[in-house]
């Protein structure tokens, strides 16, 4: 009386289709849960793409460094005769760096153009500004409650920062 159990194959991730490949285990009394095998052990596609992307990046970097730093006789000795001019080993990174720096400068310039000048009242007041409201604290034995939040007026801040200390009491 042999039992047949179906377990997902560890080679399933090599297939590009969504069909599952099952392997039949024929053993009496042994279950897949006892073997420590889950029903879906295949890696996630994002993990596979990340792994392949990292390996591809490393290989491309090594090929670029070999092409950029080995002299032409060494490349000919290795059997490599068709490759871009060595000028591009410096030009492409330089162009890329300047493109990134120009883009950052353009982005900062746009932000400065959209920002109000420091003397504008739009930097002080907007549609979300709150005026202080009349607030009466109820004393029902719980101490002082927290007052509602509001914006301090610019005249009050100027008086606190730029007036004489004896004028603060007024």
N, C-alpha and C. Protein backbone atom coordinates (compact mmCIF):
# COMPACT_ATOMS: atom_id res chain seq x y z
N UNK A 1 0.83 -1.16 0.00
CA UNK A 1 0.00 0.00 0.00
C UNK A 1 0.89 1.24 0.00
N UNK A 2 1.36 1.64 -1.17
CA UNK A 2 2.25 2.79 -1.27
C UNK A 2 1.44 4.03 -1.61
N UNK A 3 1.78 5.10 -0.90
CA UNK A 3 1.10 6.38 -1.12
C UNK A 3 1.89 7.22 -2.11
N UNK A 4 1.20 7.96 -2.92
CA UNK A 4 1.85 8.84 -3.88
C UNK A 4 1.61 10.29 -3.45
N UNK A 5 2.69 11.04 -3.27
CA UNK A 5 2.59 12.45 -2.87
C UNK A 5 3.14 13.31 -3.99
N UNK A 6 2.53 14.47 -4.16
CA UNK A 6 2.96 15.39 -5.19
C UNK A 6 3.67 16.57 -4.53
N UNK A 7 4.86 16.88 -5.00
CA UNK A 7 5.66 17.97 -4.45
C UNK A 7 6.08 18.87 -5.60
N UNK A 8 6.10 20.18 -5.36
CA UNK A 8 6.56 21.10 -6.39
C UNK A 8 8.04 20.88 -6.66
N UNK A 9 8.39 20.87 -7.91
CA UNK A 9 9.77 20.65 -8.29
C UNK A 9 10.59 21.92 -8.04
N UNK A 10 11.82 21.80 -7.54
CA UNK A 10 12.64 22.99 -7.35
C UNK A 10 13.08 23.60 -8.67
N UNK A 11 12.89 22.92 -9.79
CA UNK A 11 13.29 23.44 -11.09
C UNK A 11 12.16 24.21 -11.77
N UNK A 12 11.08 24.45 -11.04
CA UNK A 12 9.92 25.10 -11.63
C UNK A 12 10.23 26.51 -12.11
N UNK A 13 11.12 27.24 -11.45
CA UNK A 13 11.37 28.63 -11.81
C UNK A 13 12.06 28.76 -13.16
N UNK A 14 12.58 27.68 -13.72
CA UNK A 14 13.21 27.75 -15.03
C UNK A 14 12.19 27.84 -16.15
N UNK A 15 10.98 27.42 -15.87
CA UNK A 15 9.93 27.45 -16.87
C UNK A 15 9.34 28.85 -16.96
N UNK A 16 9.04 29.30 -18.17
CA UNK A 16 8.45 30.61 -18.34
C UNK A 16 6.93 30.56 -18.33
N UNK A 17 6.37 29.38 -18.26
CA UNK A 17 4.92 29.26 -18.22
C UNK A 17 4.46 29.16 -16.77
N UNK A 18 3.15 29.26 -16.58
CA UNK A 18 2.59 29.19 -15.24
C UNK A 18 2.22 27.76 -14.83
N UNK A 19 2.49 26.80 -15.68
CA UNK A 19 2.16 25.42 -15.34
C UNK A 19 3.14 24.91 -14.29
N UNK A 20 2.63 24.10 -13.38
CA UNK A 20 3.47 23.53 -12.34
C UNK A 20 3.99 22.18 -12.78
N UNK A 21 5.24 21.91 -12.42
CA UNK A 21 5.84 20.62 -12.68
C UNK A 21 5.82 19.85 -11.37
N UNK A 22 5.19 18.73 -11.36
CA UNK A 22 5.07 17.95 -10.13
C UNK A 22 5.93 16.70 -10.21
N UNK A 23 6.48 16.34 -9.09
CA UNK A 23 7.28 15.13 -8.97
C UNK A 23 6.55 14.22 -8.00
N UNK A 24 6.40 12.99 -8.38
CA UNK A 24 5.68 12.05 -7.52
C UNK A 24 6.67 11.32 -6.64
N UNK A 25 6.40 11.35 -5.33
CA UNK A 25 7.19 10.58 -4.37
C UNK A 25 6.40 9.33 -4.00
N UNK A 26 7.03 8.23 -4.14
CA UNK A 26 6.36 6.98 -3.78
C UNK A 26 7.07 6.44 -2.56
N UNK A 27 6.40 6.57 -1.43
CA UNK A 27 6.96 6.05 -0.19
C UNK A 27 5.80 5.87 0.77
N UNK A 28 5.84 4.85 1.53
CA UNK A 28 4.74 4.58 2.44
C UNK A 28 4.94 5.38 3.72
N UNK A 29 3.93 6.13 4.07
CA UNK A 29 3.92 6.83 5.34
C UNK A 29 4.72 8.11 5.38
N UNK A 30 5.34 8.54 4.31
CA UNK A 30 6.14 9.77 4.33
C UNK A 30 5.34 10.85 3.61
N UNK A 31 5.08 11.93 4.32
CA UNK A 31 4.34 13.03 3.74
C UNK A 31 5.28 14.17 3.43
N UNK A 32 4.86 15.03 2.52
CA UNK A 32 5.72 16.15 2.14
C UNK A 32 5.93 17.09 3.31
N UNK A 33 4.95 17.23 4.20
CA UNK A 33 5.14 18.09 5.36
C UNK A 33 6.16 17.50 6.32
N UNK A 34 6.29 16.18 6.36
CA UNK A 34 7.30 15.56 7.21
C UNK A 34 8.69 15.72 6.62
N UNK A 35 8.79 15.88 5.31
CA UNK A 35 10.08 16.07 4.68
C UNK A 35 10.54 17.52 4.78
N UNK A 36 9.69 18.41 5.25
CA UNK A 36 10.03 19.82 5.34
C UNK A 36 9.90 20.53 4.01
N UNK A 37 9.09 20.00 3.12
CA UNK A 37 8.91 20.59 1.80
C UNK A 37 7.56 21.28 1.77
N UNK A 38 7.58 22.56 1.44
CA UNK A 38 6.31 23.27 1.32
C UNK A 38 5.77 23.06 -0.10
N UNK A 39 4.54 23.43 -0.28
CA UNK A 39 3.90 23.21 -1.58
C UNK A 39 4.40 24.19 -2.63
N UNK A 40 4.88 25.36 -2.23
CA UNK A 40 5.33 26.33 -3.21
C UNK A 40 6.71 26.84 -2.79
N UNK A 41 7.76 26.20 -3.27
CA UNK A 41 9.11 26.58 -2.90
C UNK A 41 9.81 27.40 -3.98
N UNK A 42 9.16 27.69 -5.04
CA UNK A 42 9.82 28.40 -6.12
C UNK A 42 10.07 29.85 -5.70
N UNK A 43 11.17 30.43 -6.16
CA UNK A 43 11.45 31.83 -5.80
C UNK A 43 10.49 32.77 -6.51
N UNK A 44 10.32 33.93 -5.92
CA UNK A 44 9.46 34.94 -6.52
C UNK A 44 10.14 35.50 -7.76
N UNK A 45 9.36 35.92 -8.75
CA UNK A 45 9.97 36.48 -9.96
C UNK A 45 10.85 37.69 -9.68
N UNK A 46 10.48 38.52 -8.71
CA UNK A 46 11.30 39.69 -8.41
C UNK A 46 12.67 39.28 -7.87
N UNK A 47 12.73 38.18 -7.12
CA UNK A 47 14.02 37.69 -6.63
C UNK A 47 14.89 37.21 -7.79
N UNK A 48 14.27 36.50 -8.72
CA UNK A 48 15.02 35.99 -9.87
C UNK A 48 15.51 37.15 -10.73
N UNK A 49 14.63 38.12 -10.99
CA UNK A 49 15.02 39.28 -11.79
C UNK A 49 16.13 40.07 -11.10
N UNK A 50 16.05 40.22 -9.79
CA UNK A 50 17.09 40.92 -9.05
C UNK A 50 18.42 40.21 -9.12
N UNK A 51 18.40 38.90 -8.98
CA UNK A 51 19.63 38.11 -9.06
C UNK A 51 20.24 38.22 -10.45
N UNK A 52 19.43 38.02 -11.48
CA UNK A 52 19.92 38.10 -12.86
C UNK A 52 20.42 39.52 -13.16
N UNK A 53 19.72 40.53 -12.66
CA UNK A 53 20.16 41.91 -12.88
C UNK A 53 21.48 42.22 -12.20
N UNK A 54 21.67 41.71 -10.98
CA UNK A 54 22.94 41.98 -10.29
C UNK A 54 24.10 41.26 -10.98
N UNK A 55 23.89 40.01 -11.42
CA UNK A 55 24.95 39.29 -12.13
C UNK A 55 25.27 39.99 -13.46
N UNK A 56 24.24 40.43 -14.17
CA UNK A 56 24.45 41.13 -15.44
C UNK A 56 25.22 42.43 -15.23
N UNK A 57 24.91 43.15 -14.17
CA UNK A 57 25.62 44.39 -13.88
C UNK A 57 27.09 44.13 -13.59
N UNK A 58 27.39 43.09 -12.82
CA UNK A 58 28.78 42.77 -12.50
C UNK A 58 29.53 42.37 -13.76
N UNK A 59 28.92 41.53 -14.58
CA UNK A 59 29.58 41.09 -15.82
C UNK A 59 29.82 42.28 -16.75
N UNK A 60 28.83 43.16 -16.89
CA UNK A 60 28.99 44.32 -17.77
C UNK A 60 30.08 45.25 -17.25
N UNK A 61 30.17 45.41 -15.92
CA UNK A 61 31.22 46.26 -15.35
C UNK A 61 32.60 45.68 -15.60
N UNK A 62 32.74 44.37 -15.43
CA UNK A 62 34.03 43.73 -15.68
C UNK A 62 34.42 43.86 -17.15
N UNK A 63 33.48 43.65 -18.06
CA UNK A 63 33.76 43.78 -19.50
C UNK A 63 34.16 45.22 -19.83
N UNK A 64 33.45 46.19 -19.26
CA UNK A 64 33.79 47.59 -19.49
C UNK A 64 35.20 47.91 -19.00
N UNK A 65 35.55 47.44 -17.78
CA UNK A 65 36.87 47.73 -17.23
C UNK A 65 37.98 47.06 -18.04
N UNK A 66 37.72 45.83 -18.51
CA UNK A 66 38.71 45.15 -19.36
C UNK A 66 38.91 45.94 -20.65
N UNK A 67 37.82 46.35 -21.28
CA UNK A 67 37.91 47.11 -22.53
C UNK A 67 38.59 48.46 -22.31
N UNK A 68 38.30 49.13 -21.18
CA UNK A 68 38.81 50.48 -20.96
C UNK A 68 40.28 50.48 -20.57
N UNK A 69 40.75 49.48 -19.81
CA UNK A 69 42.09 49.54 -19.25
C UNK A 69 43.12 48.65 -19.93
N UNK A 70 42.69 47.61 -20.60
CA UNK A 70 43.68 46.76 -21.27
C UNK A 70 44.15 47.44 -22.56
N UNK A 71 45.45 47.42 -22.82
CA UNK A 71 45.93 47.99 -24.09
C UNK A 71 45.50 47.14 -25.28
N UNK A 72 45.53 47.73 -26.45
CA UNK A 72 45.05 47.06 -27.65
C UNK A 72 45.80 45.76 -27.95
N UNK A 73 47.12 45.67 -27.75
CA UNK A 73 47.78 44.38 -28.01
C UNK A 73 47.25 43.24 -27.13
N UNK A 74 46.90 43.56 -25.88
CA UNK A 74 46.33 42.52 -25.00
C UNK A 74 44.95 42.08 -25.50
N UNK A 75 44.15 43.03 -25.96
CA UNK A 75 42.84 42.67 -26.50
C UNK A 75 42.98 41.82 -27.76
N UNK A 76 43.95 42.17 -28.61
CA UNK A 76 44.19 41.37 -29.82
C UNK A 76 44.68 39.97 -29.45
N UNK A 77 45.51 39.87 -28.42
CA UNK A 77 46.00 38.56 -27.96
C UNK A 77 44.84 37.69 -27.47
N UNK A 78 43.82 38.33 -26.84
CA UNK A 78 42.65 37.58 -26.37
C UNK A 78 41.68 37.26 -27.50
N UNK A 79 41.93 37.77 -28.68
CA UNK A 79 41.06 37.48 -29.82
C UNK A 79 39.95 38.49 -29.99
N UNK A 80 40.07 39.64 -29.34
CA UNK A 80 39.05 40.68 -29.44
C UNK A 80 39.57 41.75 -30.38
N UNK A 81 38.93 41.85 -31.54
CA UNK A 81 39.36 42.82 -32.54
C UNK A 81 38.32 43.91 -32.79
N UNK A 82 37.06 43.64 -32.51
CA UNK A 82 35.99 44.59 -32.79
C UNK A 82 35.47 45.14 -31.47
N UNK A 83 35.77 46.39 -31.21
CA UNK A 83 35.33 47.06 -30.01
C UNK A 83 35.28 48.55 -30.30
N UNK A 84 34.53 49.30 -29.49
CA UNK A 84 34.45 50.75 -29.73
C UNK A 84 35.79 51.44 -29.45
N UNK A 85 35.90 52.64 -29.93
CA UNK A 85 37.09 53.43 -29.71
C UNK A 85 37.24 53.71 -28.22
N UNK A 86 38.50 53.79 -27.72
CA UNK A 86 38.76 54.03 -26.31
C UNK A 86 38.29 55.42 -25.87
N UNK A 87 38.06 56.31 -26.81
CA UNK A 87 37.53 57.64 -26.51
C UNK A 87 36.22 57.53 -25.73
N UNK A 88 35.39 56.57 -26.09
CA UNK A 88 34.07 56.43 -25.46
C UNK A 88 34.16 55.93 -24.02
N UNK A 89 35.31 55.35 -23.61
CA UNK A 89 35.48 54.92 -22.22
C UNK A 89 35.52 56.12 -21.29
N UNK A 90 35.95 57.27 -21.78
CA UNK A 90 35.93 58.49 -20.99
C UNK A 90 34.72 59.36 -21.31
N UNK A 91 34.30 59.36 -22.57
CA UNK A 91 33.24 60.27 -22.99
C UNK A 91 31.89 59.90 -22.38
N UNK A 92 31.52 58.62 -22.39
CA UNK A 92 30.19 58.23 -21.89
C UNK A 92 30.04 58.53 -20.40
N UNK A 93 31.00 58.16 -19.52
CA UNK A 93 30.83 58.54 -18.11
C UNK A 93 30.83 60.06 -17.89
N UNK A 94 31.66 60.78 -18.66
CA UNK A 94 31.69 62.23 -18.50
C UNK A 94 30.37 62.85 -18.94
N UNK A 95 29.84 62.41 -20.08
CA UNK A 95 28.55 62.92 -20.54
C UNK A 95 27.44 62.57 -19.55
N UNK A 96 27.47 61.37 -19.03
CA UNK A 96 26.45 60.95 -18.06
C UNK A 96 26.51 61.80 -16.80
N UNK A 97 27.71 62.03 -16.29
CA UNK A 97 27.86 62.85 -15.08
C UNK A 97 27.38 64.28 -15.32
N UNK A 98 27.74 64.85 -16.45
CA UNK A 98 27.30 66.21 -16.74
C UNK A 98 25.80 66.29 -16.97
N UNK A 99 25.21 65.26 -17.54
CA UNK A 99 23.75 65.24 -17.71
C UNK A 99 23.06 65.20 -16.36
N UNK A 100 23.56 64.39 -15.45
CA UNK A 100 22.96 64.30 -14.11
C UNK A 100 23.12 65.63 -13.37
N UNK A 101 24.32 66.21 -13.39
CA UNK A 101 24.54 67.49 -12.71
C UNK A 101 23.70 68.61 -13.32
N UNK A 102 23.57 68.63 -14.64
CA UNK A 102 22.74 69.65 -15.29
C UNK A 102 21.27 69.46 -14.92
N UNK A 103 20.82 68.21 -14.84
CA UNK A 103 19.44 67.94 -14.42
C UNK A 103 19.18 68.40 -13.00
N UNK A 104 20.14 68.16 -12.10
CA UNK A 104 19.98 68.62 -10.72
C UNK A 104 19.95 70.15 -10.66
N UNK A 105 20.83 70.80 -11.42
CA UNK A 105 20.82 72.27 -11.45
C UNK A 105 19.52 72.82 -12.01
N UNK A 106 19.00 72.19 -13.05
CA UNK A 106 17.72 72.60 -13.63
C UNK A 106 16.58 72.42 -12.62
N UNK A 107 16.59 71.31 -11.90
CA UNK A 107 15.57 71.04 -10.88
C UNK A 107 15.62 72.07 -9.76
N UNK A 108 16.82 72.38 -9.27
CA UNK A 108 16.95 73.40 -8.23
C UNK A 108 16.51 74.77 -8.74
N UNK A 109 16.87 75.10 -9.98
CA UNK A 109 16.45 76.38 -10.55
C UNK A 109 14.94 76.50 -10.66
N UNK A 110 14.28 75.43 -11.08
CA UNK A 110 12.81 75.45 -11.14
C UNK A 110 12.19 75.64 -9.76
N UNK A 111 12.77 74.99 -8.75
CA UNK A 111 12.25 75.16 -7.39
C UNK A 111 12.43 76.59 -6.90
N UNK A 112 13.59 77.22 -7.20
CA UNK A 112 13.80 78.60 -6.80
C UNK A 112 12.85 79.54 -7.54
N UNK A 113 12.54 79.24 -8.79
CA UNK A 113 11.61 80.08 -9.54
C UNK A 113 10.19 79.99 -9.00
N UNK A 114 9.80 78.82 -8.48
CA UNK A 114 8.45 78.63 -7.96
C UNK A 114 8.26 79.13 -6.53
N UNK A 115 9.36 79.36 -5.81
CA UNK A 115 9.28 79.77 -4.41
C UNK A 115 9.07 81.27 -4.33
N UNK A 116 8.23 81.70 -3.40
CA UNK A 116 7.99 83.12 -3.20
C UNK A 116 9.23 83.78 -2.62
N UNK A 117 9.43 85.07 -2.90
CA UNK A 117 10.57 85.77 -2.30
C UNK A 117 10.42 85.85 -0.78
N UNK A 118 11.53 86.01 -0.06
CA UNK A 118 11.44 86.03 1.41
C UNK A 118 10.59 87.17 1.96
N UNK A 119 10.48 88.29 1.26
CA UNK A 119 9.70 89.44 1.77
C UNK A 119 8.21 89.31 1.45
N UNK A 120 7.81 88.29 0.73
CA UNK A 120 6.41 88.14 0.35
C UNK A 120 5.56 87.71 1.54
N UNK A 121 4.34 88.23 1.60
CA UNK A 121 3.43 87.82 2.67
C UNK A 121 2.93 86.39 2.46
N UNK A 122 3.11 85.84 1.26
CA UNK A 122 2.70 84.45 1.01
C UNK A 122 3.56 83.46 1.79
N UNK A 123 4.74 83.88 2.21
CA UNK A 123 5.56 82.98 3.03
C UNK A 123 5.12 82.99 4.48
N UNK A 124 4.27 83.95 4.86
CA UNK A 124 3.81 84.05 6.24
C UNK A 124 2.39 83.54 6.39
N UNK A 125 1.49 83.96 5.49
CA UNK A 125 0.09 83.59 5.58
C UNK A 125 -0.30 82.75 4.36
N UNK A 126 -1.14 81.76 4.58
CA UNK A 126 -1.71 80.98 3.49
C UNK A 126 -3.12 80.58 3.88
N UNK A 127 -3.73 79.72 3.10
CA UNK A 127 -5.12 79.34 3.37
C UNK A 127 -5.25 78.47 4.62
N UNK A 128 -4.15 77.98 5.16
CA UNK A 128 -4.21 77.13 6.35
C UNK A 128 -3.84 77.88 7.63
N UNK A 129 -3.59 79.19 7.53
CA UNK A 129 -3.23 79.97 8.72
C UNK A 129 -4.42 80.04 9.67
N UNK A 130 -4.12 79.98 10.97
CA UNK A 130 -5.19 80.05 11.98
C UNK A 130 -4.97 81.26 12.87
N UNK A 131 -6.01 82.01 13.06
CA UNK A 131 -5.98 83.13 13.99
C UNK A 131 -6.30 82.60 15.38
N UNK A 132 -5.75 83.24 16.41
CA UNK A 132 -6.09 82.77 17.77
C UNK A 132 -7.57 83.04 18.05
N UNK A 133 -8.21 82.07 18.62
CA UNK A 133 -9.62 82.21 18.95
C UNK A 133 -9.77 82.50 20.44
N UNK A 134 -10.92 83.03 20.79
CA UNK A 134 -11.18 83.29 22.20
C UNK A 134 -11.41 81.94 22.86
N UNK A 135 -10.63 81.69 23.88
CA UNK A 135 -10.68 80.39 24.53
C UNK A 135 -10.85 80.60 26.02
N UNK A 136 -11.86 79.99 26.56
CA UNK A 136 -12.09 80.07 27.99
C UNK A 136 -11.84 78.71 28.59
N UNK A 137 -10.88 78.65 29.48
CA UNK A 137 -10.53 77.39 30.11
C UNK A 137 -11.53 77.08 31.21
N UNK A 138 -12.06 75.89 31.18
CA UNK A 138 -12.96 75.48 32.25
C UNK A 138 -12.14 74.86 33.36
N UNK A 139 -12.42 75.25 34.54
CA UNK A 139 -11.67 74.71 35.69
C UNK A 139 -12.57 73.73 36.41
N UNK A 140 -12.53 72.52 35.99
CA UNK A 140 -13.32 71.49 36.66
C UNK A 140 -12.42 70.50 37.38
N UNK A 141 -11.31 70.99 37.91
CA UNK A 141 -10.46 70.16 38.75
C UNK A 141 -9.41 69.35 38.02
N UNK A 142 -9.33 69.43 36.71
CA UNK A 142 -8.35 68.64 35.98
C UNK A 142 -7.10 69.43 35.62
N UNK A 143 -6.94 70.61 36.14
CA UNK A 143 -5.78 71.42 35.81
C UNK A 143 -6.03 72.22 34.56
N UNK A 144 -5.00 72.81 34.02
CA UNK A 144 -5.13 73.64 32.83
C UNK A 144 -5.13 72.78 31.57
N UNK A 145 -6.17 72.88 30.75
CA UNK A 145 -6.17 72.14 29.49
C UNK A 145 -5.25 72.81 28.47
N UNK A 146 -4.92 72.09 27.44
CA UNK A 146 -4.06 72.61 26.38
C UNK A 146 -4.89 73.51 25.48
N UNK A 147 -4.35 74.69 25.20
CA UNK A 147 -5.06 75.62 24.33
C UNK A 147 -5.01 75.12 22.89
N UNK A 148 -6.00 75.48 22.07
CA UNK A 148 -5.97 75.07 20.65
C UNK A 148 -4.78 75.69 19.93
N UNK A 149 -4.31 75.01 18.90
CA UNK A 149 -3.17 75.52 18.12
C UNK A 149 -3.60 76.68 17.24
N UNK A 150 -2.70 77.65 17.10
CA UNK A 150 -2.93 78.77 16.19
C UNK A 150 -1.59 79.33 15.78
N UNK A 151 -1.60 80.16 14.73
CA UNK A 151 -0.38 80.80 14.24
C UNK A 151 -0.17 82.10 14.99
N UNK A 152 1.07 82.35 15.36
CA UNK A 152 1.40 83.60 16.03
C UNK A 152 1.55 84.67 14.95
N UNK A 153 0.94 85.81 15.17
CA UNK A 153 0.98 86.90 14.19
C UNK A 153 2.37 87.47 14.05
N UNK A 154 2.67 87.98 12.85
CA UNK A 154 3.99 88.52 12.57
C UNK A 154 4.27 89.76 13.42
N UNK A 155 3.26 90.54 13.74
CA UNK A 155 3.46 91.73 14.57
C UNK A 155 3.90 91.34 15.97
N UNK A 156 3.34 90.25 16.48
CA UNK A 156 3.72 89.78 17.82
C UNK A 156 5.15 89.24 17.81
N UNK A 157 5.53 88.52 16.77
CA UNK A 157 6.89 88.00 16.66
C UNK A 157 7.89 89.14 16.53
N UNK A 158 7.57 90.14 15.71
CA UNK A 158 8.46 91.30 15.56
C UNK A 158 8.61 92.04 16.88
N UNK A 159 7.53 92.20 17.62
CA UNK A 159 7.60 92.88 18.91
C UNK A 159 8.48 92.09 19.87
N UNK A 160 8.36 90.75 19.88
CA UNK A 160 9.18 89.93 20.78
C UNK A 160 10.65 89.94 20.39
N UNK A 161 10.94 89.96 19.11
CA UNK A 161 12.33 89.85 18.66
C UNK A 161 13.06 91.18 18.59
N UNK A 162 12.37 92.24 18.23
CA UNK A 162 13.08 93.48 17.90
C UNK A 162 12.79 94.66 18.82
N UNK A 163 11.92 94.52 19.77
CA UNK A 163 11.63 95.63 20.68
C UNK A 163 12.44 95.48 21.95
N UNK A 164 12.42 96.54 22.75
CA UNK A 164 13.12 96.52 24.04
C UNK A 164 12.43 95.56 24.99
N UNK A 165 13.18 94.97 25.94
CA UNK A 165 12.56 94.01 26.86
C UNK A 165 11.45 94.60 27.72
N UNK A 166 11.54 95.89 28.05
CA UNK A 166 10.47 96.47 28.89
C UNK A 166 9.18 96.67 28.08
N UNK A 167 9.27 96.68 26.74
CA UNK A 167 8.07 96.80 25.93
C UNK A 167 7.33 95.49 25.78
N UNK A 168 7.96 94.36 26.16
CA UNK A 168 7.31 93.05 26.05
C UNK A 168 6.12 92.93 27.00
N UNK A 169 6.15 93.63 28.07
CA UNK A 169 5.09 93.48 29.07
C UNK A 169 3.81 94.13 28.62
N UNK A 170 3.84 95.01 27.63
CA UNK A 170 2.62 95.69 27.18
C UNK A 170 1.72 94.81 26.38
